[in-house]
Protein backbone atom coordinates (compact mmCIF):
# COMPACT_ATOMS: atom_id res chain seq x y z
CA MET A 1 14.83 -12.18 -12.10
CA LEU A 2 15.72 -9.88 -9.45
CA TYR A 3 13.56 -11.77 -6.67
CA GLY A 4 15.07 -15.32 -7.78
CA VAL A 5 18.55 -13.83 -7.39
CA LEU A 6 17.24 -12.32 -3.90
CA SER A 7 15.69 -15.36 -2.95
CA ARG A 8 18.59 -17.60 -3.52
CA THR A 9 21.22 -15.37 -2.07
CA SER A 10 19.29 -14.37 1.16
CA ILE A 11 19.23 -18.30 2.52
CA LYS A 12 22.99 -18.28 2.12
CA VAL A 13 24.28 -14.56 3.01
CA LYS A 14 23.93 -13.11 6.70
CA PRO A 15 20.94 -10.69 7.16
CA PHE A 16 23.43 -7.68 7.40
CA SER A 17 24.75 -8.49 3.92
CA VAL A 18 21.15 -8.67 2.80
CA PHE A 19 20.75 -5.31 4.37
CA LEU A 20 23.74 -3.70 2.36
CA MET A 21 22.16 -5.24 -0.86
CA LEU A 22 18.89 -3.52 -0.08
CA ARG A 23 20.77 -0.20 0.36
CA TYR A 24 22.59 -0.85 -2.84
CA PHE A 25 19.28 -1.25 -4.90
CA TYR A 26 18.00 1.62 -2.85
CA ARG A 27 20.26 4.01 -4.45
CA LYS A 28 19.21 2.53 -7.92
CA ASP A 29 15.25 2.32 -7.38
CA SER A 30 13.36 3.13 -4.14
CA TYR A 31 10.24 1.19 -5.61
CA ALA A 32 12.56 -1.66 -5.96
CA LEU A 33 13.64 -1.45 -2.61
CA PHE A 34 9.95 -1.45 -1.15
CA SER A 35 9.09 -4.53 -3.34
CA ILE A 36 11.94 -6.40 -2.13
CA LEU A 37 11.24 -5.81 1.17
CA LEU A 38 7.74 -7.11 0.88
CA TYR A 39 9.05 -9.92 -0.67
CA VAL A 40 11.70 -10.85 2.28
CA LEU A 41 9.04 -10.34 4.86
CA GLN A 42 6.58 -12.65 3.23
CA SER A 43 9.24 -15.51 3.04
């Protein structure tokens, strides 16, 4: 679910907006941030 939202959003928003979103998720779960970073780098 989270990956699907990120993949659809990252195409439309600017990299800085993605960075802010990553910071928001980092406050909630550091492991989620790590997974999202790997997902973004691979795409």
